C-alpha atoms as a PDB file:
ATOM      1  CA  MET A   1       1.483  16.178 -17.536  1.00  0.00           C
ATOM      2  CA  SER A   2      -0.473  14.866 -19.995  1.00  0.00           C
ATOM      3  CA  GLN A   3      -2.648  11.938 -19.801  1.00  0.00           C
ATOM      4  CA  LYS A   4      -0.487  10.462 -23.020  1.00  0.00           C
ATOM      5  CA  GLU A   5       2.585  10.938 -21.027  1.00  0.00           C
ATOM      6  CA  ASN A   6       1.411   9.375 -17.738  1.00  0.00           C
ATOM      7  CA  LYS A   7       0.778   6.346 -19.532  1.00  0.00           C
ATOM      8  CA  LYS A   8       4.234   6.855 -21.044  1.00  0.00           C
ATOM      9  CA  THR A   9       6.077   7.218 -17.612  1.00  0.00           C
ATOM     10  CA  LEU A  10       3.477   4.318 -16.374  1.00  0.00           C
ATOM     11  CA  SER A  11       4.280   2.025 -19.030  1.00  0.00           C
ATOM     12  CA  LEU A  12       8.384   2.818 -18.810  1.00  0.00           C
ATOM     13  CA  ILE A  13       8.116   1.700 -15.098  1.00  0.00           C
ATOM     14  CA  TRP A  14       6.646  -1.421 -16.088  1.00  0.00           C
ATOM     15  CA  LYS A  15       9.192  -2.420 -18.375  1.00  0.00           C
ATOM     16  CA  LEU A  16      12.469  -1.268 -16.041  1.00  0.00           C
ATOM     17  CA  ALA A  17      10.616  -3.268 -13.167  1.00  0.00           C
ATOM     18  CA  ARG A  18      10.414  -6.359 -14.757  1.00  0.00           C
ATOM     19  CA  ASN A  19      13.501  -6.217 -16.259  1.00  0.00           C
ATOM     20  CA  ASP A  20      15.232  -5.053 -13.205  1.00  0.00           C
ATOM     21  CA  PHE A  21      13.450  -7.797 -11.303  1.00  0.00           C
ATOM     22  CA  LYS A  22      14.771 -10.357 -14.198  1.00  0.00           C
ATOM     23  CA  THR A  23      18.379  -9.363 -14.490  1.00  0.00           C
ATOM     24  CA  ARG A  24      18.809  -9.727 -10.845  1.00  0.00           C
ATOM     25  CA  TYR A  25      18.764 -13.535 -11.296  1.00  0.00           C
ATOM     26  CA  ALA A  26      20.220 -13.533 -14.865  1.00  0.00           C
ATOM     27  CA  GLY A  27      22.589 -16.528 -14.937  1.00  0.00           C
ATOM     28  CA  SER A  28      21.979 -18.813 -12.302  1.00  0.00           C
ATOM     29  CA  TYR A  29      20.011 -21.831 -13.390  1.00  0.00           C
ATOM     30  CA  LEU A  30      16.756 -21.631 -11.147  1.00  0.00           C
ATOM     31  CA  GLY A  31      16.903 -17.464 -11.939  1.00  0.00           C
ATOM     32  CA  ALA A  32      13.775 -15.741 -10.344  1.00  0.00           C
ATOM     33  CA  LEU A  33      13.427 -18.931  -7.934  1.00  0.00           C
ATOM     34  CA  TRP A  34      15.885 -17.834  -5.818  1.00  0.00           C
ATOM     35  CA  ALA A  35      13.818 -15.004  -4.189  1.00  0.00           C
ATOM     36  CA  MET A  36      11.117 -17.410  -3.274  1.00  0.00           C
ATOM     37  CA  VAL A  37      13.648 -20.088  -1.755  1.00  0.00           C
ATOM     38  CA  GLN A  38      15.278 -17.654   0.651  1.00  0.00           C
ATOM     39  CA  PRO A  39      12.183 -16.746   1.987  1.00  0.00           C
ATOM     40  CA  VAL A  40      10.446 -20.215   2.426  1.00  0.00           C
ATOM     41  CA  ILE A  41      13.546 -21.484   3.651  1.00  0.00           C
ATOM     42  CA  THR A  42      12.959 -19.026   6.130  1.00  0.00           C
ATOM     43  CA  VAL A  43       9.534 -19.801   7.260  1.00  0.00           C
ATOM     44  CA  LEU A  44      10.482 -23.261   7.536  1.00  0.00           C
ATOM     45  CA  MET A  45      12.741 -22.759   9.170  1.00  0.00           C
ATOM     46  CA  TYR A  46      11.093 -20.593  12.175  1.00  0.00           C
ATOM     47  CA  TYR A  47       8.556 -23.262  11.736  1.00  0.00           C
ATOM     48  CA  ILE A  48      10.473 -25.936  12.736  1.00  0.00           C
ATOM     49  CA  VAL A  49      12.221 -24.183  15.205  1.00  0.00           C
ATOM     50  CA  PHE A  50       9.319 -22.682  17.117  1.00  0.00           C
ATOM     51  CA  ASP A  51       6.418 -25.046  16.187  1.00  0.00           C
ATOM     52  CA  LYS A  52       8.434 -28.463  16.676  1.00  0.00           C
ATOM     53  CA  ILE A  53      11.396 -28.308  18.657  1.00  0.00           C
ATOM     54  CA  PHE A  54      10.715 -25.865  20.911  1.00  0.00           C
ATOM     55  CA  LYS A  55       6.852 -25.537  20.997  1.00  0.00           C
ATOM     56  CA  GLN A  56       6.503 -24.103  24.452  1.00  0.00           C
ATOM     57  CA  ARG A  57       9.015 -21.053  23.365  1.00  0.00           C
ATOM     58  CA  ALA A  58       6.570 -20.331  20.461  1.00  0.00           C
ATOM     59  CA  THR A  59       3.605 -20.647  22.902  1.00  0.00           C
ATOM     60  CA  ALA A  60       5.505 -17.809  25.482  1.00  0.00           C
ATOM     61  CA  VAL A  61       6.157 -15.685  22.779  1.00  0.00           C
ATOM     62  CA  ALA A  62       2.813 -15.976  20.812  1.00  0.00           C
ATOM     63  CA  GLY A  63       0.708 -16.667  23.830  1.00  0.00           C
ATOM     64  CA  GLY A  64      -2.935 -16.067  23.500  1.00  0.00           C
ATOM     65  CA  ILE A  65      -3.285 -16.721  19.665  1.00  0.00           C
ATOM     66  CA  GLU A  66      -6.060 -19.055  18.711  1.00  0.00           C
ATOM     67  CA  VAL A  67      -4.384 -19.981  15.338  1.00  0.00           C
ATOM     68  CA  PRO A  68      -1.795 -22.434  14.571  1.00  0.00           C
ATOM     69  CA  TYR A  69       1.269 -20.681  14.889  1.00  0.00           C
ATOM     70  CA  VAL A  70       2.779 -21.278  11.225  1.00  0.00           C
ATOM     71  CA  LEU A  71       0.043 -19.058  10.464  1.00  0.00           C
ATOM     72  CA  PHE A  72       0.509 -16.571  12.612  1.00  0.00           C
ATOM     73  CA  LEU A  73       3.933 -16.788  11.710  1.00  0.00           C
ATOM     74  CA  THR A  74       3.969 -16.781   7.445  1.00  0.00           C
ATOM     75  CA  ALA A  75       1.041 -13.346   8.356  1.00  0.00           C
ATOM     76  CA  GLY A  76       3.923 -11.692   9.761  1.00  0.00           C
ATOM     77  CA  LEU A  77       6.741 -12.410   7.857  1.00  0.00           C
ATOM     78  CA  VAL A  78       4.830 -12.343   4.284  1.00  0.00           C
ATOM     79  CA  PRO A  79       4.622  -8.281   4.731  1.00  0.00           C
ATOM     80  CA  TRP A  80       8.161  -8.146   6.474  1.00  0.00           C
ATOM     81  CA  PHE A  81      10.094  -9.811   3.261  1.00  0.00           C
ATOM     82  CA  TYR A  82       8.225  -7.368   1.312  1.00  0.00           C
ATOM     83  CA  PHE A  83       9.198  -4.414   3.808  1.00  0.00           C
ATOM     84  CA  SER A  84      12.985  -5.658   3.874  1.00  0.00           C
ATOM     85  CA  GLU A  85      13.116  -6.164  -0.195  1.00  0.00           C
ATOM     86  CA  GLY A  86      11.534  -3.044  -0.935  1.00  0.00           C
ATOM     87  CA  LEU A  87      13.505  -0.898   1.826  1.00  0.00           C
ATOM     88  CA  SER A  88      17.206  -2.496   0.813  1.00  0.00           C
ATOM     89  CA  ASN A  89      16.705  -1.923  -3.058  1.00  0.00           C
ATOM     90  CA  GLY A  90      15.036   1.364  -3.086  1.00  0.00           C
ATOM     91  CA  ALA A  91      17.705   2.740  -1.270  1.00  0.00           C
ATOM     92  CA  ASN A  92      20.254   1.746  -4.344  1.00  0.00           C
ATOM     93  CA  ALA A  93      17.621   3.067  -6.490  1.00  0.00           C
ATOM     94  CA  LEU A  94      20.054   5.772  -7.804  1.00  0.00           C
ATOM     95  CA  VAL A  95      23.345   4.249  -7.421  1.00  0.00           C
ATOM     96  CA  GLN A  96      22.333   1.203  -9.466  1.00  0.00           C
ATOM     97  CA  TYR A  97      20.703   3.196 -12.401  1.00  0.00           C
ATOM     98  CA  SER A  98      23.763   5.734 -12.270  1.00  0.00           C
ATOM     99  CA  TYR A  99      23.305   5.620 -16.196  1.00  0.00           C
ATOM    100  CA  LEU A 100      19.982   6.854 -16.342  1.00  0.00           C
ATOM    101  CA  VAL A 101      20.513   9.584 -13.461  1.00  0.00           C
ATOM    102  CA  LYS A 102      23.248  11.207 -15.823  1.00  0.00           C
ATOM    103  CA  LYS A 103      21.026  11.567 -18.763  1.00  0.00           C
ATOM    104  CA  VAL A 104      19.387  14.717 -18.976  1.00  0.00           C
ATOM    105  CA  VAL A 105      16.219  13.556 -20.521  1.00  0.00           C
ATOM    106  CA  PHE A 106      15.545  10.990 -18.410  1.00  0.00           C
ATOM    107  CA  LYS A 107      13.211  11.431 -15.489  1.00  0.00           C
ATOM    108  CA  ILE A 108      15.092  10.615 -12.354  1.00  0.00           C
ATOM    109  CA  ASP A 109      11.920  10.167  -9.993  1.00  0.00           C
ATOM    110  CA  ILE A 110      10.592   6.897 -11.703  1.00  0.00           C
ATOM    111  CA  LEU A 111      13.756   5.114 -10.442  1.00  0.00           C
ATOM    112  CA  PRO A 112      13.102   4.410  -6.453  1.00  0.00           C
ATOM    113  CA  VAL A 113       9.295   3.712  -7.584  1.00  0.00           C
ATOM    114  CA  ILE A 114      10.843   1.184 -10.849  1.00  0.00           C
ATOM    115  CA  LYS A 115      12.810  -0.701  -7.252  1.00  0.00           C
ATOM    116  CA  VAL A 116       9.488  -0.837  -5.441  1.00  0.00           C
ATOM    117  CA  VAL A 117       7.561  -2.065  -8.311  1.00  0.00           C
ATOM    118  CA  ALA A 118      10.149  -4.826  -8.626  1.00  0.00           C
ATOM    119  CA  ALA A 119       9.957  -6.014  -4.867  1.00  0.00           C
ATOM    120  CA  SER A 120       6.297  -5.978  -5.508  1.00  0.00           C
ATOM    121  CA  PHE A 121       6.704  -9.070  -8.159  1.00  0.00           C
ATOM    122  CA  ILE A 122       7.683 -11.336  -5.316  1.00  0.00           C
ATOM    123  CA  HIS A 123       5.423  -9.752  -2.772  1.00  0.00           C
ATOM    124  CA  VAL A 124       2.649 -11.172  -5.032  1.00  0.00           C
ATOM    125  CA  PHE A 125       3.785 -14.619  -4.899  1.00  0.00           C
ATOM    126  CA  PHE A 126       3.862 -14.737  -1.166  1.00  0.00           C
ATOM    127  CA  MET A 127       0.655 -13.715  -0.960  1.00  0.00           C
ATOM    128  CA  CYS A 128      -0.535 -16.597  -2.584  1.00  0.00           C
ATOM    129  CA  VAL A 129       1.842 -18.843  -0.207  1.00  0.00           C
ATOM    130  CA  LEU A 130      -0.100 -17.143   2.635  1.00  0.00           C
ATOM    131  CA  LEU A 131      -3.345 -18.339   1.164  1.00  0.00           C
ATOM    132  CA  ILE A 132      -2.487 -21.395   0.692  1.00  0.00           C
ATOM    133  CA  VAL A 133      -1.224 -21.917   4.289  1.00  0.00           C
ATOM    134  CA  ALA A 134      -4.483 -20.588   5.318  1.00  0.00           C
ATOM    135  CA  ALA A 135      -6.391 -22.830   3.518  1.00  0.00           C
ATOM    136  CA  VAL A 136      -4.395 -25.811   4.505  1.00  0.00           C
ATOM    137  CA  TYR A 137      -5.640 -24.844   8.029  1.00  0.00           C
ATOM    138  CA  LYS A 138      -9.655 -24.413   7.108  1.00  0.00           C
ATOM    139  CA  TYR A 139      -8.940 -20.226   6.966  1.00  0.00           C
ATOM    140  CA  TYR A 140     -10.347 -20.138   3.721  1.00  0.00           C
ATOM    141  CA  PRO A 141     -10.442 -16.886   1.434  1.00  0.00           C
ATOM    142  CA  ASN A 142     -13.689 -14.806   2.154  1.00  0.00           C
ATOM    143  CA  LEU A 143     -14.556 -11.057   1.311  1.00  0.00           C
ATOM    144  CA  TYR A 144     -12.077  -9.413   3.673  1.00  0.00           C
ATOM    145  CA  THR A 145      -9.621 -11.341   1.830  1.00  0.00           C
ATOM    146  CA  ILE A 146      -9.376  -8.511  -0.587  1.00  0.00           C
ATOM    147  CA  GLN A 147      -7.736  -6.559   2.442  1.00  0.00           C
ATOM    148  CA  LEU A 148      -4.404  -7.491   1.332  1.00  0.00           C
ATOM    149  CA  LEU A 149      -4.645  -5.259  -1.549  1.00  0.00           C
ATOM    150  CA  TYR A 150      -4.899  -2.604   0.758  1.00  0.00           C
ATOM    151  CA  TYR A 151      -2.317  -3.553   2.836  1.00  0.00           C
ATOM    152  CA  SER A 152       0.239  -4.084   0.254  1.00  0.00           C
ATOM    153  CA  PHE A 153      -0.636  -0.584  -1.167  1.00  0.00           C
ATOM    154  CA  CYS A 154       0.240   0.692   2.265  1.00  0.00           C
ATOM    155  CA  LEU A 155       3.352  -0.665   2.461  1.00  0.00           C
ATOM    156  CA  PHE A 156       3.887   0.189  -1.330  1.00  0.00           C
ATOM    157  CA  MET A 157       3.412   3.567  -0.463  1.00  0.00           C
ATOM    158  CA  LEU A 158       5.199   3.537   3.094  1.00  0.00           C
ATOM    159  CA  LEU A 159       8.580   1.861   1.119  1.00  0.00           C
ATOM    160  CA  LEU A 160       8.136   4.566  -1.592  1.00  0.00           C
ATOM    161  CA  ALA A 161       8.046   7.540   1.090  1.00  0.00           C
ATOM    162  CA  LEU A 162      11.368   5.869   2.390  1.00  0.00           C
ATOM    163  CA  SER A 163      13.516   4.849  -0.794  1.00  0.00           C
ATOM    164  CA  TYR A 164      12.866   8.836  -1.987  1.00  0.00           C
ATOM    165  CA  ALA A 165      14.846  10.114   1.042  1.00  0.00           C
ATOM    166  CA  THR A 166      17.499   6.546   1.382  1.00  0.00           C
ATOM    167  CA  SER A 167      17.963   6.505  -2.667  1.00  0.00           C
ATOM    168  CA  ALA A 168      18.911  10.151  -2.474  1.00  0.00           C
ATOM    169  CA  ILE A 169      21.333  10.321   0.665  1.00  0.00           C
ATOM    170  CA  VAL A 170      22.706   7.168  -0.201  1.00  0.00           C
ATOM    171  CA  VAL A 171      24.873   9.193  -2.981  1.00  0.00           C
ATOM    172  CA  PHE A 172      26.496  11.107  -0.792  1.00  0.00           C
ATOM    173  CA  PHE A 173      26.266   8.703   2.335  1.00  0.00           C
ATOM    174  CA  ARG A 174      27.367   4.738   0.876  1.00  0.00           C
ATOM    175  CA  ASP A 175      27.213   3.828   4.770  1.00  0.00           C
ATOM    176  CA  LEU A 176      23.331   4.225   4.962  1.00  0.00           C
ATOM    177  CA  ASN A 177      23.279   1.100   3.283  1.00  0.00           C
ATOM    178  CA  GLN A 178      25.019  -0.657   6.360  1.00  0.00           C
ATOM    179  CA  ILE A 179      22.477   1.167   8.557  1.00  0.00           C
ATOM    180  CA  ILE A 180      19.616   0.201   6.498  1.00  0.00           C
ATOM    181  CA  SER A 181      20.992  -3.576   7.242  1.00  0.00           C
ATOM    182  CA  ILE A 182      21.250  -3.301  10.780  1.00  0.00           C
ATOM    183  CA  PHE A 183      17.843  -1.424  11.135  1.00  0.00           C
ATOM    184  CA  LEU A 184      16.361  -4.434   9.604  1.00  0.00           C
ATOM    185  CA  GLN A 185      17.875  -7.234  11.688  1.00  0.00           C
ATOM    186  CA  ILE A 186      16.645  -5.109  14.708  1.00  0.00           C
ATOM    187  CA  GLY A 187      13.539  -4.427  13.187  1.00  0.00           C
ATOM    188  CA  MET A 188      12.340  -7.882  12.606  1.00  0.00           C
ATOM    189  CA  TRP A 189      12.664  -8.577  16.247  1.00  0.00           C
ATOM    190  CA  ALA A 190      10.734  -4.967  17.106  1.00  0.00           C
ATOM    191  CA  THR A 191       8.059  -5.594  15.048  1.00  0.00           C
ATOM    192  CA  PRO A 192       5.021  -8.171  16.208  1.00  0.00           C
ATOM    193  CA  ILE A 193       5.881 -11.165  13.634  1.00  0.00           C
ATOM    194  CA  LEU A 194       7.278 -13.644  15.830  1.00  0.00           C
ATOM    195  CA  TRP A 195       5.213 -12.358  18.917  1.00  0.00           C
ATOM    196  CA  ASN A 196       2.018 -11.751  19.803  1.00  0.00           C
ATOM    197  CA  ILE A 197       1.553  -7.568  20.758  1.00  0.00           C
ATOM    198  CA  ALA A 198      -1.381  -8.720  22.570  1.00  0.00           C
ATOM    199  CA  ASN A 199       1.352  -9.919  25.572  1.00  0.00           C
ATOM    200  CA  LEU A 200       2.351  -6.498  25.998  1.00  0.00           C
ATOM    201  CA  SER A 201       0.765  -4.044  28.316  1.00  0.00           C
ATOM    202  CA  PRO A 202      -1.462  -1.508  26.621  1.00  0.00           C
ATOM    203  CA  LYS A 203       0.882   1.620  27.121  1.00  0.00           C
ATOM    204  CA  TRP A 204       3.877  -0.630  25.468  1.00  0.00           C
ATOM    205  CA  GLN A 205       1.435  -2.013  22.843  1.00  0.00           C
ATOM    206  CA  ILE A 206       0.200   1.986  22.169  1.00  0.00           C
ATOM    207  CA  ALA A 207       3.846   2.728  21.624  1.00  0.00           C
ATOM    208  CA  MET A 208       4.773   0.115  19.266  1.00  0.00           C
ATOM    209  CA  LYS A 209       1.826   1.233  16.656  1.00  0.00           C
ATOM    210  CA  VAL A 210       3.486   4.767  16.814  1.00  0.00           C
ATOM    211  CA  ILE A 211       7.083   4.305  16.842  1.00  0.00           C
ATOM    212  CA  ASN A 212       6.440   1.407  13.987  1.00  0.00           C
ATOM    213  CA  PRO A 213       4.681   1.658  10.872  1.00  0.00           C
ATOM    214  CA  VAL A 214       5.011  -1.865   9.945  1.00  0.00           C
ATOM    215  CA  ALA A 215       3.569  -3.108  12.687  1.00  0.00           C
ATOM    216  CA  TYR A 216      -0.040  -1.799  11.261  1.00  0.00           C
ATOM    217  CA  VAL A 217       0.300  -3.760   8.013  1.00  0.00           C
ATOM    218  CA  VAL A 218       1.543  -6.922   9.911  1.00  0.00           C
ATOM    219  CA  LEU A 219      -1.731  -6.591  12.181  1.00  0.00           C
ATOM    220  CA  GLY A 220      -3.285  -6.200   9.440  1.00  0.00           C
ATOM    221  CA  TYR A 221      -2.824  -9.277   7.666  1.00  0.00           C
ATOM    222  CA  ARG A 222      -3.484 -11.004  10.506  1.00  0.00           C
ATOM    223  CA  ALA A 223      -6.307  -9.566  11.041  1.00  0.00           C
ATOM    224  CA  THR A 224      -7.596  -9.990   7.787  1.00  0.00           C
ATOM    225  CA  ILE A 225      -6.705 -13.816   7.640  1.00  0.00           C
ATOM    226  CA  CYS A 226      -7.336 -14.743  10.820  1.00  0.00           C
ATOM    227  CA  GLU A 227      -9.913 -13.238  11.892  1.00  0.00           C
ATOM    228  CA  SER A 228     -12.175 -11.681   8.966  1.00  0.00           C
ATOM    229  CA  LYS A 229     -11.589  -8.288  10.466  1.00  0.00           C
ATOM    230  CA  GLY A 230     -11.822  -5.061   8.336  1.00  0.00           C
ATOM    231  CA  PHE A 231      -9.115  -2.336   8.894  1.00  0.00           C
ATOM    232  CA  TRP A 232     -11.985   0.430   9.200  1.00  0.00           C
ATOM    233  CA  THR A 233     -12.761  -1.001  12.935  1.00  0.00           C
ATOM    234  CA  GLU A 234      -9.944   0.590  13.881  1.00  0.00           C
ATOM    235  CA  PRO A 235     -10.242   4.223  12.354  1.00  0.00           C
ATOM    236  CA  LEU A 236      -7.862   6.593  14.318  1.00  0.00           C
ATOM    237  CA  TYR A 237      -5.016   3.717  13.992  1.00  0.00           C
ATOM    238  CA  THR A 238      -6.281   3.948  10.354  1.00  0.00           C
ATOM    239  CA  ALA A 239      -5.834   7.602  10.154  1.00  0.00           C
ATOM    240  CA  TYR A 240      -2.444   7.773  12.371  1.00  0.00           C
ATOM    241  CA  PHE A 241      -0.828   5.332   9.818  1.00  0.00           C
ATOM    242  CA  TRP A 242      -1.445   7.770   6.595  1.00  0.00           C
ATOM    243  CA  GLY A 243      -0.645  10.917   8.565  1.00  0.00           C
ATOM    244  CA  LEU A 244       2.320   9.447   9.163  1.00  0.00           C
ATOM    245  CA  VAL A 245       3.107   7.939   5.471  1.00  0.00           C
ATOM    246  CA  LEU A 246       1.990  11.467   4.014  1.00  0.00           C
ATOM    247  CA  VAL A 247       4.663  13.278   6.784  1.00  0.00           C
ATOM    248  CA  LEU A 248       7.733  10.790   5.695  1.00  0.00           C
ATOM    249  CA  TRP A 249       6.378  11.009   2.058  1.00  0.00           C
ATOM    250  CA  LEU A 250       6.696  15.064   1.909  1.00  0.00           C
ATOM    251  CA  ILE A 251      10.559  14.357   3.893  1.00  0.00           C
ATOM    252  CA  GLY A 252      11.512  11.863   1.424  1.00  0.00           C
ATOM    253  CA  ARG A 253      10.613  14.295  -1.587  1.00  0.00           C
ATOM    254  CA  ALA A 254      11.879  17.404  -0.115  1.00  0.00           C
ATOM    255  CA  ILE A 255      15.231  15.340   0.354  1.00  0.00           C
ATOM    256  CA  PHE A 256      14.621  13.849  -2.880  1.00  0.00           C
ATOM    257  CA  LYS A 257      14.372  17.501  -4.764  1.00  0.00           C
ATOM    258  CA  LYS A 258      17.073  19.048  -2.403  1.00  0.00           C
ATOM    259  CA  LEU A 259      20.231  16.968  -3.514  1.00  0.00           C
ATOM    260  CA  LYS A 260      18.742  15.942  -7.245  1.00  0.00           C
ATOM    261  CA  VAL A 261      20.736  18.664  -8.498  1.00  0.00           C
ATOM    262  CA  HIS A 262      23.691  17.134  -7.430  1.00  0.00           C
ATOM    263  CA  PHE A 263      23.151  13.290  -8.061  1.00  0.00           C
ATOM    264  CA  ALA A 264      24.420  13.533 -11.651  1.00  0.00           C
ATOM    265  CA  ASP A 265      28.287  15.060 -10.188  1.00  0.00           C
ATOM    266  CA  VAL A 266      28.577  12.573  -7.225  1.00  0.00           C
ATOM    267  CA  LEU A 267      27.437   9.828  -9.368  1.00  0.00           C
END
């Protein structure tokens, strides 16, 4: 593909992703603000319940942390919201844009990308919210804060790898959407978002990191905001994460390519 074609493809992805984000809330009075209201309310709800009403419970699940629980919580929820939004929407990329799938000249490989990019718009807003919450507790931005872009890119690539597989499978097996929904409900509690991974035994900590790639990003967000710690301090964990993403990418692309010829017939 030539450089000119690459620019056209990137421009098309940007336009469709922006349009996808806008049309999702078209017709409502608050528009895109609804996408921001629900996660903010979720953070406030957990904060009130665990940090105000049941403060002892918060101490139990997040024991050992030296930062305010609301900051600890927000640093975990922000990447999880991105993952949840991106995975749910990415799985429906082909179904939602079925009219484009049926066009012979349209490059349908970019449809999962469009969904993940659209989910990134809200994520940028919540990264700003996270920085504001951190500043309130005197954890001000520094050079390490740039790492949030790195960890966001980590999630972007993980979501893209998963979306290629899920979007292709959903065309033939719509029940996968319900499975993903259940997976996300369980996954939020299985990821160290509300609780401190340091409370686990060393063996369980390793198991959590191996099984759950989102944990790498959640822990990375916290290390960046609360500890000013670089991702390069854990080279083996970083290498494992990217190795896993590469494997998931190859599997996702293989599934997408194999089923691609049947999309138009089924949709």
